[in-house]
Amino acid sequence: MNIQELRQSNNEQAVIDLFKSVDIESVNEFLDHTFYGYITTQDYAESEEAKRSTCVFTYQRLKELFNSIQ
């Protein structure tokens, strides 16, 4: 393993350790409060559809990430 691979491995482990210290319930509550109300609102213009899709994708990926860590 070269020095760059070692740094990458250390960085990945540091991020994993950080996420493990996060209160998953609080994260889920934050994600629901921040994203879920927006993505379930039907009062958006067609020009907002791209932003809505990005928001849905972000919400789903963040929920999967934080829920998979435990």
PDB file of N, CA and C in Angstrom:
ATOM      1  N   MET A   1       0.853  -1.172   0.000  1.00  0.00           N
ATOM      2  CA  MET A   1       0.000   0.000   0.000  1.00  0.00           C
ATOM      3  C   MET A   1       0.903   1.240   0.000  1.00  0.00           C
ATOM      4  N   ASN A   2       0.712   2.106  -1.003  1.00  0.00           N
ATOM      5  CA  ASN A   2       1.523   3.318  -1.041  1.00  0.00           C
ATOM      6  C   ASN A   2       0.922   4.395  -0.135  1.00  0.00           C
ATOM      7  N   ILE A   3       1.625   5.514  -0.014  1.00  0.00           N
ATOM      8  CA  ILE A   3       1.223   6.562   0.934  1.00  0.00           C
ATOM      9  C   ILE A   3      -0.142   7.160   0.578  1.00  0.00           C
ATOM     10  N   GLN A   4      -0.421   7.291  -0.721  1.00  0.00           N
ATOM     11  CA  GLN A   4      -1.712   7.849  -1.139  1.00  0.00           C
ATOM     12  C   GLN A   4      -2.858   6.901  -0.765  1.00  0.00           C
ATOM     13  N   GLU A   5      -2.663   5.616  -0.980  1.00  0.00           N
ATOM     14  CA  GLU A   5      -3.684   4.635  -0.603  1.00  0.00           C
ATOM     15  C   GLU A   5      -3.895   4.620   0.905  1.00  0.00           C
ATOM     16  N   LEU A   6      -2.801   4.755   1.661  1.00  0.00           N
ATOM     17  CA  LEU A   6      -2.893   4.788   3.119  1.00  0.00           C
ATOM     18  C   LEU A   6      -3.679   6.010   3.587  1.00  0.00           C
ATOM     19  N   ARG A   7      -3.392   7.168   2.996  1.00  0.00           N
ATOM     20  CA  ARG A   7      -4.140   8.384   3.344  1.00  0.00           C
ATOM     21  C   ARG A   7      -5.619   8.224   3.019  1.00  0.00           C
ATOM     22  N   GLN A   8      -5.906   7.683   1.841  1.00  0.00           N
ATOM     23  CA  GLN A   8      -7.298   7.479   1.435  1.00  0.00           C
ATOM     24  C   GLN A   8      -8.004   6.558   2.417  1.00  0.00           C
ATOM     25  N   SER A   9      -7.330   5.481   2.797  1.00  0.00           N
ATOM     26  CA  SER A   9      -7.903   4.531   3.748  1.00  0.00           C
ATOM     27  C   SER A   9      -8.152   5.197   5.098  1.00  0.00           C
ATOM     28  N   ASN A  10      -7.191   5.992   5.562  1.00  0.00           N
ATOM     29  CA  ASN A  10      -7.352   6.708   6.830  1.00  0.00           C
ATOM     30  C   ASN A  10      -8.498   7.712   6.759  1.00  0.00           C
ATOM     31  N   ASN A  11      -8.610   8.416   5.630  1.00  0.00           N
ATOM     32  CA  ASN A  11      -9.697   9.382   5.454  1.00  0.00           C
ATOM     33  C   ASN A  11     -11.048   8.682   5.475  1.00  0.00           C
ATOM     34  N   GLU A  12     -11.146   7.572   4.769  1.00  0.00           N
ATOM     35  CA  GLU A  12     -12.407   6.828   4.734  1.00  0.00           C
ATOM     36  C   GLU A  12     -12.776   6.329   6.126  1.00  0.00           C
ATOM     37  N   GLN A  13     -11.800   5.821   6.860  1.00  0.00           N
ATOM     38  CA  GLN A  13     -12.071   5.325   8.210  1.00  0.00           C
ATOM     39  C   GLN A  13     -12.482   6.466   9.133  1.00  0.00           C
ATOM     40  N   ALA A  14     -11.864   7.627   8.975  1.00  0.00           N
ATOM     41  CA  ALA A  14     -12.217   8.785   9.801  1.00  0.00           C
ATOM     42  C   ALA A  14     -13.656   9.211   9.548  1.00  0.00           C
ATOM     43  N   VAL A  15     -14.072   9.198   8.290  1.00  0.00           N
ATOM     44  CA  VAL A  15     -15.453   9.563   7.957  1.00  0.00           C
ATOM     45  C   VAL A  15     -16.419   8.532   8.528  1.00  0.00           C
ATOM     46  N   ILE A  16     -16.095   7.264   8.409  1.00  0.00           N
ATOM     47  CA  ILE A  16     -16.945   6.201   8.955  1.00  0.00           C
ATOM     48  C   ILE A  16     -17.064   6.350  10.466  1.00  0.00           C
ATOM     49  N   ASP A  17     -15.945   6.597  11.137  1.00  0.00           N
ATOM     50  CA  ASP A  17     -15.970   6.781  12.591  1.00  0.00           C
ATOM     51  C   ASP A  17     -16.799   7.997  12.984  1.00  0.00           C
ATOM     52  N   LEU A  18     -16.680   9.074  12.212  1.00  0.00           N
ATOM     53  CA  LEU A  18     -17.467  10.278  12.482  1.00  0.00           C
ATOM     54  C   LEU A  18     -18.953   9.983  12.347  1.00  0.00           C
ATOM     55  N   PHE A  19     -19.342   9.316  11.269  1.00  0.00           N
ATOM     56  CA  PHE A  19     -20.752   8.998  11.053  1.00  0.00           C
ATOM     57  C   PHE A  19     -21.294   8.088  12.150  1.00  0.00           C
ATOM     58  N   LYS A  20     -20.462   7.196  12.665  1.00  0.00           N
ATOM     59  CA  LYS A  20     -20.921   6.289  13.724  1.00  0.00           C
ATOM     60  C   LYS A  20     -21.236   7.035  15.012  1.00  0.00           C
ATOM     61  N   SER A  21     -20.627   8.200  15.196  1.00  0.00           N
ATOM     62  CA  SER A  21     -20.872   8.977  16.408  1.00  0.00           C
ATOM     63  C   SER A  21     -22.104   9.869  16.288  1.00  0.00           C
ATOM     64  N   VAL A  22     -22.704   9.906  15.105  1.00  0.00           N
ATOM     65  CA  VAL A  22     -23.874  10.756  14.873  1.00  0.00           C
ATOM     66  C   VAL A  22     -25.131  10.050  15.377  1.00  0.00           C
ATOM     67  N   ASP A  23     -26.010  10.813  15.993  1.00  0.00           N
ATOM     68  CA  ASP A  23     -27.299  10.287  16.445  1.00  0.00           C
ATOM     69  C   ASP A  23     -28.204  10.111  15.224  1.00  0.00           C
ATOM     70  N   ILE A  24     -28.416   8.859  14.828  1.00  0.00           N
ATOM     71  CA  ILE A  24     -29.159   8.551  13.608  1.00  0.00           C
ATOM     72  C   ILE A  24     -30.583   9.101  13.661  1.00  0.00           C
ATOM     73  N   GLU A  25     -31.230   9.020  14.805  1.00  0.00           N
ATOM     74  CA  GLU A  25     -32.591   9.554  14.924  1.00  0.00           C
ATOM     75  C   GLU A  25     -32.614  11.052  14.650  1.00  0.00           C
ATOM     76  N   SER A  26     -31.639  11.761  15.155  1.00  0.00           N
ATOM     77  CA  SER A  26     -31.561  13.208  14.920  1.00  0.00           C
ATOM     78  C   SER A  26     -31.321  13.503  13.446  1.00  0.00           C
ATOM     79  N   VAL A  27     -30.460  12.718  12.819  1.00  0.00           N
ATOM     80  CA  VAL A  27     -30.197  12.905  11.397  1.00  0.00           C
ATOM     81  C   VAL A  27     -31.467  12.657  10.597  1.00  0.00           C
ATOM     82  N   ASN A  28     -32.172  11.565  10.901  1.00  0.00           N
ATOM     83  CA  ASN A  28     -33.410  11.272  10.182  1.00  0.00           C
ATOM     84  C   ASN A  28     -34.441  12.372  10.386  1.00  0.00           C
ATOM     85  N   GLU A  29     -34.538  12.884  11.603  1.00  0.00           N
ATOM     86  CA  GLU A  29     -35.474  13.973  11.882  1.00  0.00           C
ATOM     87  C   GLU A  29     -35.097  15.221  11.084  1.00  0.00           C
ATOM     88  N   PHE A  30     -33.798  15.516  11.042  1.00  0.00           N
ATOM     89  CA  PHE A  30     -33.320  16.663  10.273  1.00  0.00           C
ATOM     90  C   PHE A  30     -33.629  16.488   8.787  1.00  0.00           C
ATOM     91  N   LEU A  31     -33.326  15.305   8.246  1.00  0.00           N
ATOM     92  CA  LEU A  31     -33.577  15.063   6.827  1.00  0.00           C
ATOM     93  C   LEU A  31     -35.062  15.165   6.513  1.00  0.00           C
ATOM     94  N   ASP A  32     -35.891  14.582   7.371  1.00  0.00           N
ATOM     95  CA  ASP A  32     -37.333  14.660   7.155  1.00  0.00           C
ATOM     96  C   ASP A  32     -37.800  16.108   7.194  1.00  0.00           C
ATOM     97  N   HIS A  33     -37.320  16.862   8.166  1.00  0.00           N
ATOM     98  CA  HIS A  33     -37.738  18.254   8.315  1.00  0.00           C
ATOM     99  C   HIS A  33     -37.248  19.103   7.142  1.00  0.00           C
ATOM    100  N   THR A  34     -36.009  18.851   6.713  1.00  0.00           N
ATOM    101  CA  THR A  34     -35.396  19.671   5.677  1.00  0.00           C
ATOM    102  C   THR A  34     -35.891  19.329   4.278  1.00  0.00           C
ATOM    103  N   PHE A  35     -35.986  18.047   3.972  1.00  0.00           N
ATOM    104  CA  PHE A  35     -36.295  17.643   2.607  1.00  0.00           C
ATOM    105  C   PHE A  35     -37.719  17.145   2.410  1.00  0.00           C
ATOM    106  N   TYR A  36     -38.217  16.366   3.340  1.00  0.00           N
ATOM    107  CA  TYR A  36     -39.451  15.622   3.099  1.00  0.00           C
ATOM    108  C   TYR A  36     -40.652  16.533   2.863  1.00  0.00           C
ATOM    109  N   GLY A  37     -40.764  17.594   3.658  1.00  0.00           N
ATOM    110  CA  GLY A  37     -41.873  18.523   3.454  1.00  0.00           C
ATOM    111  C   GLY A  37     -41.838  19.141   2.072  1.00  0.00           C
ATOM    112  N   TYR A  38     -40.639  19.439   1.610  1.00  0.00           N
ATOM    113  CA  TYR A  38     -40.502  20.048   0.290  1.00  0.00           C
ATOM    114  C   TYR A  38     -40.856  19.067  -0.818  1.00  0.00           C
ATOM    115  N   ILE A  39     -40.348  17.859  -0.724  1.00  0.00           N
ATOM    116  CA  ILE A  39     -40.563  16.930  -1.840  1.00  0.00           C
ATOM    117  C   ILE A  39     -41.986  16.388  -1.872  1.00  0.00           C
ATOM    118  N   THR A  40     -42.740  16.526  -0.785  1.00  0.00           N
ATOM    119  CA  THR A  40     -44.124  16.066  -0.800  1.00  0.00           C
ATOM    120  C   THR A  40     -45.096  17.193  -1.127  1.00  0.00           C
ATOM    121  N   THR A  41     -44.593  18.403  -1.255  1.00  0.00           N
ATOM    122  CA  THR A  41     -45.447  19.533  -1.608  1.00  0.00           C
ATOM    123  C   THR A  41     -45.765  19.477  -3.094  1.00  0.00           C
ATOM    124  N   GLN A  42     -47.032  19.592  -3.417  1.00  0.00           N
ATOM    125  CA  GLN A  42     -47.440  19.524  -4.819  1.00  0.00           C
ATOM    126  C   GLN A  42     -47.536  20.900  -5.475  1.00  0.00           C
ATOM    127  N   ASP A  43     -47.355  21.954  -4.690  1.00  0.00           N
ATOM    128  CA  ASP A  43     -47.470  23.319  -5.211  1.00  0.00           C
ATOM    129  C   ASP A  43     -46.129  23.834  -5.719  1.00  0.00           C
ATOM    130  N   TYR A  44     -45.632  23.246  -6.780  1.00  0.00           N
ATOM    131  CA  TYR A  44     -44.382  23.729  -7.360  1.00  0.00           C
ATOM    132  C   TYR A  44     -44.572  23.900  -8.860  1.00  0.00           C
ATOM    133  N   ALA A  45     -43.868  24.856  -9.418  1.00  0.00           N
ATOM    134  CA  ALA A  45     -43.967  25.120 -10.853  1.00  0.00           C
ATOM    135  C   ALA A  45     -43.171  24.078 -11.631  1.00  0.00           C
ATOM    136  N   GLU A  46     -43.511  23.921 -12.904  1.00  0.00           N
ATOM    137  CA  GLU A  46     -42.771  22.961 -13.725  1.00  0.00           C
ATOM    138  C   GLU A  46     -41.288  23.314 -13.792  1.00  0.00           C
ATOM    139  N   SER A  47     -40.973  24.578 -13.732  1.00  0.00           N
ATOM    140  CA  SER A  47     -39.563  24.985 -13.766  1.00  0.00           C
ATOM    141  C   SER A  47     -38.806  24.520 -12.527  1.00  0.00           C
ATOM    142  N   GLU A  48     -39.542  24.148 -11.474  1.00  0.00           N
ATOM    143  CA  GLU A  48     -38.925  23.673 -10.244  1.00  0.00           C
ATOM    144  C   GLU A  48     -38.712  22.155 -10.251  1.00  0.00           C
ATOM    145  N   GLU A  49     -39.159  21.485 -11.278  1.00  0.00           N
ATOM    146  CA  GLU A  49     -39.105  20.020 -11.312  1.00  0.00           C
ATOM    147  C   GLU A  49     -37.675  19.487 -11.192  1.00  0.00           C
ATOM    148  N   ALA A  50     -36.735  20.127 -11.848  1.00  0.00           N
ATOM    149  CA  ALA A  50     -35.343  19.657 -11.765  1.00  0.00           C
ATOM    150  C   ALA A  50     -34.818  19.783 -10.340  1.00  0.00           C
ATOM    151  N   LYS A  51     -35.120  20.897  -9.687  1.00  0.00           N
ATOM    152  CA  LYS A  51     -34.687  21.070  -8.297  1.00  0.00           C
ATOM    153  C   LYS A  51     -35.360  20.039  -7.409  1.00  0.00           C
ATOM    154  N   ARG A  52     -36.623  19.769  -7.671  1.00  0.00           N
ATOM    155  CA  ARG A  52     -37.362  18.786  -6.879  1.00  0.00           C
ATOM    156  C   ARG A  52     -36.729  17.402  -7.038  1.00  0.00           C
ATOM    157  N   SER A  53     -36.404  17.033  -8.256  1.00  0.00           N
ATOM    158  CA  SER A  53     -35.790  15.725  -8.508  1.00  0.00           C
ATOM    159  C   SER A  53     -34.456  15.598  -7.785  1.00  0.00           C
ATOM    160  N   THR A  54     -33.663  16.648  -7.819  1.00  0.00           N
ATOM    161  CA  THR A  54     -32.385  16.648  -7.118  1.00  0.00           C
ATOM    162  C   THR A  54     -32.602  16.517  -5.622  1.00  0.00           C
ATOM    163  N   CYS A  55     -33.603  17.207  -5.114  1.00  0.00           N
ATOM    164  CA  CYS A  55     -33.910  17.164  -3.688  1.00  0.00           C
ATOM    165  C   CYS A  55     -34.348  15.753  -3.285  1.00  0.00           C
ATOM    166  N   VAL A  56     -35.185  15.125  -4.083  1.00  0.00           N
ATOM    167  CA  VAL A  56     -35.637  13.758  -3.808  1.00  0.00           C
ATOM    168  C   VAL A  56     -34.440  12.811  -3.794  1.00  0.00           C
ATOM    169  N   PHE A  57     -33.595  12.924  -4.799  1.00  0.00           N
ATOM    170  CA  PHE A  57     -32.419  12.061  -4.889  1.00  0.00           C
ATOM    171  C   PHE A  57     -31.508  12.255  -3.677  1.00  0.00           C
ATOM    172  N   THR A  58     -31.244  13.508  -3.327  1.00  0.00           N
ATOM    173  CA  THR A  58     -30.380  13.807  -2.178  1.00  0.00           C
ATOM    174  C   THR A  58     -30.963  13.241  -0.899  1.00  0.00           C
ATOM    175  N   TYR A  59     -32.246  13.466  -0.705  1.00  0.00           N
ATOM    176  CA  TYR A  59     -32.939  12.966   0.490  1.00  0.00           C
ATOM    177  C   TYR A  59     -32.808  11.444   0.593  1.00  0.00           C
ATOM    178  N   GLN A  60     -33.096  10.754  -0.493  1.00  0.00           N
ATOM    179  CA  GLN A  60     -33.052   9.291  -0.481  1.00  0.00           C
ATOM    180  C   GLN A  60     -31.642   8.775  -0.216  1.00  0.00           C
ATOM    181  N   ARG A  61     -30.638   9.372  -0.863  1.00  0.00           N
ATOM    182  CA  ARG A  61     -29.267   8.915  -0.693  1.00  0.00           C
ATOM    183  C   ARG A  61     -28.763   9.183   0.731  1.00  0.00           C
ATOM    184  N   LEU A  62     -29.079  10.353   1.275  1.00  0.00           N
ATOM    185  CA  LEU A  62     -28.647  10.662   2.638  1.00  0.00           C
ATOM    186  C   LEU A  62     -29.303   9.728   3.646  1.00  0.00           C
ATOM    187  N   LYS A  63     -30.590   9.449   3.462  1.00  0.00           N
ATOM    188  CA  LYS A  63     -31.277   8.522   4.369  1.00  0.00           C
ATOM    189  C   LYS A  63     -30.626   7.139   4.290  1.00  0.00           C
ATOM    190  N   GLU A  64     -30.348   6.668   3.069  1.00  0.00           N
ATOM    191  CA  GLU A  64     -29.711   5.363   2.897  1.00  0.00           C
ATOM    192  C   GLU A  64     -28.331   5.340   3.551  1.00  0.00           C
ATOM    193  N   LEU A  65     -27.554   6.397   3.327  1.00  0.00           N
ATOM    194  CA  LEU A  65     -26.207   6.459   3.884  1.00  0.00           C
ATOM    195  C   LEU A  65     -26.230   6.389   5.401  1.00  0.00           C
ATOM    196  N   PHE A  66     -26.990   7.269   6.031  1.00  0.00           N
ATOM    197  CA  PHE A  66     -26.975   7.317   7.485  1.00  0.00           C
ATOM    198  C   PHE A  66     -27.614   6.081   8.105  1.00  0.00           C
ATOM    199  N   ASN A  67     -28.612   5.511   7.449  1.00  0.00           N
ATOM    200  CA  ASN A  67     -29.244   4.316   8.002  1.00  0.00           C
ATOM    201  C   ASN A  67     -28.391   3.065   7.803  1.00  0.00           C
ATOM    202  N   SER A  68     -27.503   3.077   6.817  1.00  0.00           N
ATOM    203  CA  SER A  68     -26.656   1.907   6.568  1.00  0.00           C
ATOM    204  C   SER A  68     -25.439   1.872   7.485  1.00  0.00           C
ATOM    205  N   ILE A  69     -25.129   2.970   8.127  1.00  0.00           N
ATOM    206  CA  ILE A  69     -23.931   3.041   8.958  1.00  0.00           C
ATOM    207  C   ILE A  69     -24.085   2.239  10.237  1.00  0.00           C
ATOM    208  N   GLN A  70     -25.261   2.213  10.798  1.00  0.00           N
ATOM    209  CA  GLN A  70     -25.471   1.527  12.078  1.00  0.00           C
ATOM    210  C   GLN A  70     -25.284   0.033  11.952  1.00  0.00           C
TER     211      GLN A  70
END
